[in-house]
């Protein structure tokens, strides 16, 4: 695409989401741009791939990091057809993407059956109050991996 504007990129994401719905996928798409160039796109493939992590943003991030051969995307912009869910938001933070443009809100998604408010609520709760049981075991053994990591002089911090 020549002369990319935010609107042009978002319209591409919207078109991808519409095409994905027509092909049996979910109504979500994402586009990642770096230096005015489209680096990656992704569409929701949860049902098709039987993978609850196959959200559009995750797919786009995975493609972008592989294409750019870097795990930090601090010089990229993400366009998503919907405000990212907690999982995608976590991945966006981990990847370092500093800017997101989105179309639909999470409230819009909720109206169409994509409700993630319970996840936001659960995250804010102490581990012993969450719906999923958290059981810590063998912490004194598991810490050894952190100790080994801490001693490495050639570690790549992320």
Protein backbone atom coordinates (compact mmCIF):
# COMPACT_ATOMS: atom_id res chain seq x y z
CA UNK A 1 0.00 0.00 0.00
CA UNK A 2 1.31 3.38 -0.96
CA UNK A 3 1.21 6.33 1.41
CA UNK A 4 -0.18 4.43 4.38
CA UNK A 5 -2.44 6.38 6.68
CA UNK A 6 -3.91 5.08 9.91
CA UNK A 7 -7.28 4.91 8.19
CA UNK A 8 -5.94 2.90 5.23
CA UNK A 9 -4.30 0.36 7.52
CA UNK A 10 -7.40 0.07 9.70
CA UNK A 11 -9.55 -0.41 6.60
CA UNK A 12 -7.22 -3.24 5.57
CA UNK A 13 -7.67 -4.83 9.00
CA UNK A 14 -11.45 -4.44 8.71
CA UNK A 15 -11.42 -6.01 5.23
CA UNK A 16 -9.35 -8.93 6.54
CA UNK A 17 -11.80 -9.44 9.41
CA UNK A 18 -14.77 -9.44 7.02
CA UNK A 19 -13.04 -11.94 4.73
CA UNK A 20 -12.21 -14.11 7.72
CA UNK A 21 -15.87 -14.19 8.80
CA UNK A 22 -16.91 -15.09 5.25
CA UNK A 23 -14.42 -17.99 5.37
CA UNK A 24 -15.79 -19.26 8.69
CA UNK A 25 -13.36 -17.50 11.04
CA UNK A 26 -13.85 -15.00 13.82
CA UNK A 27 -14.52 -11.28 13.31
CA UNK A 28 -11.05 -10.10 14.29
CA UNK A 29 -7.96 -9.02 12.33
CA UNK A 30 -4.72 -7.21 13.05
CA UNK A 31 -2.01 -5.49 11.02
CA UNK A 32 1.50 -4.54 12.14
CA UNK A 33 3.31 -1.66 10.47
CA UNK A 34 6.96 -0.64 10.72
CA UNK A 35 8.41 2.46 9.08
CA UNK A 36 5.33 2.93 6.91
CA UNK A 37 5.40 -0.66 5.63
CA UNK A 38 3.03 -3.51 6.46
CA UNK A 39 5.10 -6.16 8.20
CA UNK A 40 2.42 -8.66 9.18
CA UNK A 41 -1.27 -9.40 9.31
CA UNK A 42 -3.26 -11.85 11.35
CA UNK A 43 -6.83 -13.04 11.63
CA UNK A 44 -8.60 -14.96 14.35
CA UNK A 45 -8.17 -18.71 13.73
CA UNK A 46 -9.22 -20.09 17.13
CA UNK A 47 -11.87 -22.51 15.88
CA UNK A 48 -10.10 -23.47 12.65
CA UNK A 49 -6.84 -24.34 14.43
CA UNK A 50 -8.41 -25.57 17.69
CA UNK A 51 -6.07 -23.13 19.41
CA UNK A 52 -7.42 -20.69 22.00
CA UNK A 53 -4.31 -18.53 21.52
CA UNK A 54 -4.81 -18.09 17.75
CA UNK A 55 -6.12 -14.54 18.09
CA UNK A 56 -5.46 -12.02 15.31
CA UNK A 57 -3.00 -9.96 17.34
CA UNK A 58 -1.02 -13.02 18.43
CA UNK A 59 -0.87 -14.32 14.86
CA UNK A 60 0.32 -10.92 13.60
CA UNK A 61 2.95 -10.61 16.36
CA UNK A 62 4.29 -14.10 15.64
CA UNK A 63 4.54 -13.33 11.92
CA UNK A 64 6.19 -9.94 12.52
CA UNK A 65 8.79 -11.26 14.95
CA UNK A 66 9.71 -14.08 12.56
CA UNK A 67 9.88 -11.77 9.55
CA UNK A 68 11.93 -9.13 11.37
CA UNK A 69 13.99 -11.73 13.28
CA UNK A 70 13.52 -9.88 16.59
CA UNK A 71 11.26 -10.45 19.56
CA UNK A 72 10.87 -6.77 20.39
CA UNK A 73 8.60 -4.73 18.14
CA UNK A 74 9.26 -1.36 19.76
CA UNK A 75 9.40 0.37 16.39
CA UNK A 76 6.06 -1.03 15.17
CA UNK A 77 2.41 0.02 15.35
CA UNK A 78 -0.47 -2.43 15.78
CA UNK A 79 -3.86 -1.96 14.17
CA UNK A 80 -6.60 -4.21 15.48
CA UNK A 81 -10.25 -4.38 14.58
CA UNK A 82 -11.05 -4.71 18.28
CA UNK A 83 -9.59 -3.58 21.58
CA UNK A 84 -7.20 -6.42 22.51
CA UNK A 85 -8.24 -9.06 25.03
CA UNK A 86 -6.10 -9.61 28.15
CA UNK A 87 -4.02 -12.35 26.48
CA UNK A 88 -3.29 -10.24 23.42
CA UNK A 89 -2.65 -7.18 25.54
CA UNK A 90 -0.07 -9.19 27.49
CA UNK A 91 1.62 -10.24 24.25
CA UNK A 92 1.58 -6.64 23.02
CA UNK A 93 3.28 -5.49 26.22
CA UNK A 94 5.85 -8.31 26.01
CA UNK A 95 6.60 -7.45 22.38
CA UNK A 96 7.06 -3.78 23.23
CA UNK A 97 4.65 -2.41 20.64
CA UNK A 98 4.18 1.19 21.80
CA UNK A 99 1.04 2.19 19.87
CA UNK A 100 -2.28 0.50 19.13
CA UNK A 101 -5.11 1.70 16.93
CA UNK A 102 -8.35 -0.25 17.33
CA UNK A 103 -11.86 -0.20 15.90
CA UNK A 104 -14.32 -1.94 18.20
CA UNK A 105 -14.23 -1.70 21.98
CA UNK A 106 -14.28 -4.65 24.35
CA UNK A 107 -17.85 -3.61 25.21
CA UNK A 108 -18.76 -3.91 21.53
CA UNK A 109 -17.21 -7.41 21.51
CA UNK A 110 -19.19 -8.32 24.62
CA UNK A 111 -22.44 -7.43 22.85
CA UNK A 112 -21.60 -10.07 20.21
CA UNK A 113 -20.69 -12.82 22.65
CA UNK A 114 -16.96 -12.15 23.04
CA UNK A 115 -16.89 -11.30 26.74
CA UNK A 116 -13.51 -11.16 28.43
CA UNK A 117 -14.51 -9.05 31.44
CA UNK A 118 -14.28 -12.10 33.71
CA UNK A 119 -10.59 -12.45 32.80
CA UNK A 120 -9.88 -8.82 33.71
CA UNK A 121 -11.68 -9.42 37.03
CA UNK A 122 -9.78 -12.64 37.73
CA UNK A 123 -6.38 -11.06 37.02
CA UNK A 124 -6.97 -8.47 39.73
CA UNK A 125 -7.82 -11.06 42.36
CA UNK A 126 -5.40 -12.76 44.75
CA UNK A 127 -4.39 -16.19 43.41
CA UNK A 128 -6.33 -18.03 46.13
CA UNK A 129 -9.58 -16.26 45.18
CA UNK A 130 -9.49 -16.95 41.43
CA UNK A 131 -11.79 -19.33 39.59
CA UNK A 132 -8.80 -21.40 38.44
CA UNK A 133 -6.99 -23.13 41.28
CA UNK A 134 -3.39 -22.04 41.71
CA UNK A 135 -1.28 -24.58 43.60
CA UNK A 136 2.38 -23.80 44.18
CA UNK A 137 4.61 -26.84 44.51
CA UNK A 138 8.36 -27.46 44.47
CA UNK A 139 9.18 -23.75 44.50
CA UNK A 140 12.54 -24.47 46.14
CA UNK A 141 13.44 -26.70 43.17
CA UNK A 142 11.91 -24.52 40.47
CA UNK A 143 13.97 -21.53 41.63
CA UNK A 144 17.10 -23.27 40.35
CA UNK A 145 16.27 -22.27 36.77
CA UNK A 146 16.18 -18.61 37.88
CA UNK A 147 19.47 -19.05 39.73
CA UNK A 148 21.09 -20.58 36.65
CA UNK A 149 19.68 -17.77 34.49
CA UNK A 150 20.97 -15.16 36.93
CA UNK A 151 24.51 -16.56 36.69
CA UNK A 152 24.66 -16.47 32.88
CA UNK A 153 26.85 -13.71 31.47
CA UNK A 154 25.45 -14.09 27.93
CA UNK A 155 21.73 -13.96 28.71
CA UNK A 156 19.40 -11.97 26.50
CA UNK A 157 17.15 -9.92 28.74
CA UNK A 158 13.56 -9.60 27.73
